Amino acid sequence: MKKNYKQIPIGGMITKAGNSEEYKTGDWKSFKPERDEKKCTNCLICVNYCPENCIKVKNGKLNHFDLDYCKGCGICATECPFKAIVMELDTECEL
């Protein structure tokens, strides 16, 4: 079972190397990425810039955003040369 950010040990201590996939850290984001499939050319530049490895590729094409780990930073949208990704308000976020 994956843990959310509220279950990270006090002080954010890394108790085990490479444990970031054990914690669902995307549940505090305010915005989430949305892709316009008509504008997207699958250049995958967004994948290279995503600091959380949330953009999943299948058969050489952008498949989906893993919102369990996406923090809503918007780097993917900023770096997309075709403006195919926009950040939209995440109505399910905890404010």
N, C-alpha and C. Protein backbone atom coordinates (compact mmCIF):
# COMPACT_ATOMS: atom_id res chain seq x y z
N MET A 1 0.84 -1.19 0.00
CA MET A 1 0.00 0.00 0.00
C MET A 1 0.88 1.25 0.00
N LYS A 2 0.58 2.16 -0.89
CA LYS A 2 1.33 3.41 -0.97
C LYS A 2 0.92 4.35 0.14
N LYS A 3 1.89 5.10 0.64
CA LYS A 3 1.64 6.06 1.71
C LYS A 3 1.50 7.45 1.10
N ASN A 4 0.78 8.34 1.78
CA ASN A 4 0.71 9.71 1.28
C ASN A 4 1.72 10.57 2.01
N TYR A 5 1.83 11.83 1.63
CA TYR A 5 2.86 12.69 2.19
C TYR A 5 2.72 12.89 3.69
N LYS A 6 1.52 12.73 4.23
CA LYS A 6 1.30 12.91 5.67
C LYS A 6 1.92 11.77 6.48
N GLN A 7 2.28 10.69 5.83
CA GLN A 7 2.86 9.55 6.52
C GLN A 7 4.38 9.51 6.41
N ILE A 8 4.97 10.53 5.79
CA ILE A 8 6.43 10.61 5.71
C ILE A 8 6.95 10.85 7.11
N PRO A 9 8.04 10.19 7.51
CA PRO A 9 8.57 10.37 8.86
C PRO A 9 8.85 11.84 9.19
N ILE A 10 8.75 12.18 10.46
CA ILE A 10 8.99 13.55 10.93
C ILE A 10 10.35 14.02 10.45
N GLY A 11 10.40 15.24 9.96
CA GLY A 11 11.64 15.80 9.44
C GLY A 11 11.90 15.41 8.00
N GLY A 12 11.00 14.64 7.42
CA GLY A 12 11.17 14.23 6.03
C GLY A 12 12.37 13.33 5.84
N MET A 13 12.80 12.66 6.90
CA MET A 13 13.99 11.81 6.85
C MET A 13 13.82 10.68 5.84
N ILE A 14 14.82 10.48 5.04
CA ILE A 14 14.81 9.38 4.08
C ILE A 14 15.26 8.13 4.83
N THR A 15 14.33 7.25 5.10
CA THR A 15 14.64 6.05 5.89
C THR A 15 15.24 4.94 5.05
N LYS A 16 15.06 5.03 3.75
CA LYS A 16 15.58 4.01 2.85
C LYS A 16 15.87 4.68 1.51
N ALA A 17 17.03 4.46 0.96
CA ALA A 17 17.38 5.07 -0.32
C ALA A 17 16.42 4.61 -1.41
N GLY A 18 16.06 5.55 -2.28
CA GLY A 18 15.17 5.22 -3.41
C GLY A 18 13.74 4.94 -3.00
N ASN A 19 13.29 5.56 -1.92
CA ASN A 19 11.95 5.27 -1.42
C ASN A 19 10.86 6.20 -1.92
N SER A 20 11.16 7.10 -2.84
CA SER A 20 10.17 8.10 -3.25
C SER A 20 8.91 7.47 -3.86
N GLU A 21 9.04 6.31 -4.45
CA GLU A 21 7.86 5.67 -5.04
C GLU A 21 6.94 5.07 -3.98
N GLU A 22 7.39 5.01 -2.73
CA GLU A 22 6.56 4.47 -1.66
C GLU A 22 5.55 5.49 -1.14
N TYR A 23 5.74 6.76 -1.48
CA TYR A 23 4.89 7.82 -0.95
C TYR A 23 4.15 8.52 -2.08
N LYS A 24 2.84 8.57 -1.99
CA LYS A 24 2.05 9.32 -2.97
C LYS A 24 2.14 10.79 -2.57
N THR A 25 2.94 11.53 -3.28
CA THR A 25 3.22 12.92 -2.91
C THR A 25 2.40 13.92 -3.71
N GLY A 26 1.52 13.47 -4.56
CA GLY A 26 0.77 14.38 -5.41
C GLY A 26 -0.54 14.86 -4.84
N ASP A 27 -0.87 14.45 -3.61
CA ASP A 27 -2.19 14.82 -3.10
C ASP A 27 -2.26 16.22 -2.50
N TRP A 28 -1.19 16.99 -2.56
CA TRP A 28 -1.24 18.36 -2.04
C TRP A 28 -1.17 19.40 -3.15
N LYS A 29 -1.18 18.95 -4.40
CA LYS A 29 -1.06 19.91 -5.51
C LYS A 29 -2.33 20.75 -5.67
N SER A 30 -2.17 21.96 -6.18
CA SER A 30 -3.30 22.84 -6.46
C SER A 30 -3.71 22.78 -7.93
N PHE A 31 -2.74 22.47 -8.78
CA PHE A 31 -2.98 22.40 -10.22
C PHE A 31 -2.53 21.05 -10.75
N LYS A 32 -3.15 20.64 -11.84
CA LYS A 32 -2.76 19.38 -12.48
C LYS A 32 -2.60 19.62 -13.98
N PRO A 33 -1.72 18.87 -14.63
CA PRO A 33 -1.50 19.05 -16.06
C PRO A 33 -2.61 18.38 -16.89
N GLU A 34 -2.98 19.05 -17.95
CA GLU A 34 -3.93 18.50 -18.92
C GLU A 34 -3.29 18.65 -20.30
N ARG A 35 -3.37 17.61 -21.11
CA ARG A 35 -2.74 17.63 -22.43
C ARG A 35 -3.79 17.78 -23.52
N ASP A 36 -3.49 18.64 -24.48
CA ASP A 36 -4.32 18.80 -25.67
C ASP A 36 -3.73 17.87 -26.73
N GLU A 37 -4.39 16.75 -26.97
CA GLU A 37 -3.86 15.75 -27.89
C GLU A 37 -3.70 16.26 -29.32
N LYS A 38 -4.47 17.29 -29.69
CA LYS A 38 -4.35 17.86 -31.03
C LYS A 38 -3.06 18.65 -31.20
N LYS A 39 -2.58 19.26 -30.11
CA LYS A 39 -1.35 20.05 -30.17
C LYS A 39 -0.10 19.21 -29.88
N CYS A 40 -0.27 18.12 -29.15
CA CYS A 40 0.87 17.31 -28.72
C CYS A 40 1.47 16.55 -29.90
N THR A 41 2.79 16.69 -30.09
CA THR A 41 3.49 15.99 -31.16
C THR A 41 4.28 14.79 -30.64
N ASN A 42 4.16 14.51 -29.33
CA ASN A 42 4.91 13.44 -28.68
C ASN A 42 6.42 13.62 -28.82
N CYS A 43 6.85 14.86 -28.72
CA CYS A 43 8.29 15.14 -28.72
C CYS A 43 8.93 14.68 -27.42
N LEU A 44 8.13 14.55 -26.36
CA LEU A 44 8.53 14.05 -25.05
C LEU A 44 9.51 14.94 -24.31
N ILE A 45 9.60 16.20 -24.70
CA ILE A 45 10.42 17.15 -23.96
C ILE A 45 9.92 17.26 -22.53
N CYS A 46 8.62 17.22 -22.35
CA CYS A 46 8.03 17.32 -21.02
C CYS A 46 8.54 16.20 -20.11
N VAL A 47 8.72 15.02 -20.65
CA VAL A 47 9.20 13.87 -19.87
C VAL A 47 10.58 14.16 -19.31
N ASN A 48 11.43 14.77 -20.12
CA ASN A 48 12.80 15.07 -19.68
C ASN A 48 12.84 16.11 -18.57
N TYR A 49 11.88 17.01 -18.55
CA TYR A 49 11.87 18.09 -17.56
C TYR A 49 11.10 17.77 -16.29
N CYS A 50 10.23 16.79 -16.30
CA CYS A 50 9.42 16.48 -15.12
C CYS A 50 10.32 16.02 -13.97
N PRO A 51 10.35 16.79 -12.86
CA PRO A 51 11.23 16.43 -11.75
C PRO A 51 10.75 15.22 -10.95
N GLU A 52 9.53 14.80 -11.16
CA GLU A 52 8.97 13.69 -10.38
C GLU A 52 8.74 12.43 -11.20
N ASN A 53 9.13 12.44 -12.47
CA ASN A 53 8.93 11.29 -13.35
C ASN A 53 7.46 10.86 -13.39
N CYS A 54 6.58 11.85 -13.48
CA CYS A 54 5.13 11.59 -13.46
C CYS A 54 4.52 11.41 -14.84
N ILE A 55 5.27 11.73 -15.87
CA ILE A 55 4.73 11.64 -17.22
C ILE A 55 5.10 10.27 -17.77
N LYS A 56 4.10 9.47 -18.01
CA LYS A 56 4.32 8.09 -18.41
C LYS A 56 4.21 7.94 -19.92
N VAL A 57 5.15 7.20 -20.48
CA VAL A 57 5.25 6.99 -21.93
C VAL A 57 4.97 5.52 -22.23
N LYS A 58 4.23 5.30 -23.30
CA LYS A 58 3.96 3.93 -23.75
C LYS A 58 4.11 3.89 -25.26
N ASN A 59 4.90 2.98 -25.75
CA ASN A 59 5.15 2.84 -27.19
C ASN A 59 5.65 4.14 -27.81
N GLY A 60 6.51 4.85 -27.08
CA GLY A 60 7.10 6.08 -27.60
C GLY A 60 6.20 7.29 -27.61
N LYS A 61 5.05 7.19 -26.95
CA LYS A 61 4.11 8.32 -26.92
C LYS A 61 3.69 8.61 -25.49
N LEU A 62 3.37 9.88 -25.23
CA LEU A 62 2.89 10.27 -23.92
C LEU A 62 1.59 9.53 -23.66
N ASN A 63 1.55 8.78 -22.57
CA ASN A 63 0.38 7.98 -22.25
C ASN A 63 -0.52 8.67 -21.23
N HIS A 64 0.06 9.07 -20.09
CA HIS A 64 -0.73 9.74 -19.07
C HIS A 64 0.18 10.42 -18.04
N PHE A 65 -0.44 11.27 -17.22
CA PHE A 65 0.24 11.89 -16.09
C PHE A 65 -0.13 11.08 -14.85
N ASP A 66 0.86 10.66 -14.09
CA ASP A 66 0.60 9.93 -12.86
C ASP A 66 0.33 10.95 -11.76
N LEU A 67 -0.94 11.25 -11.54
CA LEU A 67 -1.33 12.31 -10.60
C LEU A 67 -1.13 11.92 -9.14
N ASP A 68 -0.84 10.66 -8.87
CA ASP A 68 -0.51 10.26 -7.50
C ASP A 68 0.82 10.87 -7.06
N TYR A 69 1.68 11.21 -8.01
CA TYR A 69 3.00 11.74 -7.70
C TYR A 69 3.24 13.15 -8.23
N CYS A 70 2.42 13.61 -9.15
CA CYS A 70 2.57 14.95 -9.71
C CYS A 70 2.31 16.00 -8.63
N LYS A 71 3.22 16.97 -8.53
CA LYS A 71 3.08 18.03 -7.53
C LYS A 71 2.48 19.30 -8.11
N GLY A 72 2.17 19.28 -9.41
CA GLY A 72 1.53 20.43 -10.03
C GLY A 72 2.45 21.61 -10.24
N CYS A 73 3.74 21.36 -10.41
CA CYS A 73 4.72 22.45 -10.53
C CYS A 73 4.58 23.22 -11.84
N GLY A 74 4.09 22.56 -12.90
CA GLY A 74 3.89 23.23 -14.17
C GLY A 74 5.11 23.30 -15.07
N ILE A 75 6.20 22.65 -14.68
CA ILE A 75 7.40 22.67 -15.53
C ILE A 75 7.10 22.04 -16.88
N CYS A 76 6.32 20.98 -16.90
CA CYS A 76 5.98 20.32 -18.17
C CYS A 76 5.27 21.29 -19.11
N ALA A 77 4.34 22.06 -18.57
CA ALA A 77 3.58 23.02 -19.38
C ALA A 77 4.48 24.16 -19.87
N THR A 78 5.37 24.61 -19.01
CA THR A 78 6.29 25.70 -19.37
C THR A 78 7.25 25.28 -20.47
N GLU A 79 7.74 24.06 -20.41
CA GLU A 79 8.75 23.59 -21.36
C GLU A 79 8.18 23.06 -22.66
N CYS A 80 6.89 22.79 -22.72
CA CYS A 80 6.29 22.25 -23.94
C CYS A 80 6.35 23.30 -25.05
N PRO A 81 7.10 23.04 -26.13
CA PRO A 81 7.23 24.04 -27.20
C PRO A 81 5.96 24.22 -28.02
N PHE A 82 5.01 23.31 -27.88
CA PHE A 82 3.78 23.38 -28.66
C PHE A 82 2.58 23.82 -27.82
N LYS A 83 2.84 24.17 -26.56
CA LYS A 83 1.78 24.61 -25.62
C LYS A 83 0.65 23.59 -25.57
N ALA A 84 1.02 22.30 -25.60
CA ALA A 84 0.04 21.22 -25.57
C ALA A 84 -0.36 20.83 -24.15
N ILE A 85 0.36 21.35 -23.16
CA ILE A 85 0.04 21.05 -21.76
C ILE A 85 -0.34 22.35 -21.07
N VAL A 86 -1.47 22.32 -20.39
CA VAL A 86 -1.91 23.47 -19.59
C VAL A 86 -2.15 22.98 -18.17
N MET A 87 -1.96 23.88 -17.23
CA MET A 87 -2.20 23.54 -15.83
C MET A 87 -3.61 24.01 -15.46
N GLU A 88 -4.40 23.08 -14.97
CA GLU A 88 -5.78 23.38 -14.58
C GLU A 88 -5.94 23.17 -13.08
N LEU A 89 -6.84 23.92 -12.50
CA LEU A 89 -7.11 23.81 -11.07
C LEU A 89 -7.54 22.38 -10.74
N ASP A 90 -6.90 21.81 -9.73
CA ASP A 90 -7.25 20.47 -9.28
C ASP A 90 -8.35 20.59 -8.24
N THR A 91 -9.56 20.29 -8.63
CA THR A 91 -10.71 20.46 -7.73
C THR A 91 -10.75 19.42 -6.63
N GLU A 92 -9.89 18.41 -6.71
CA GLU A 92 -9.85 17.37 -5.68
C GLU A 92 -8.74 17.60 -4.66
N CYS A 93 -8.02 18.71 -4.79
CA CYS A 93 -6.89 18.96 -3.88
C CYS A 93 -7.39 19.36 -2.49
N GLU A 94 -6.53 19.11 -1.50
CA GLU A 94 -6.83 19.49 -0.12
C GLU A 94 -6.32 20.90 0.11
N LEU A 95 -7.21 21.86 0.29
CA LEU A 95 -6.78 23.24 0.55
C LEU A 95 -6.99 23.58 1.99
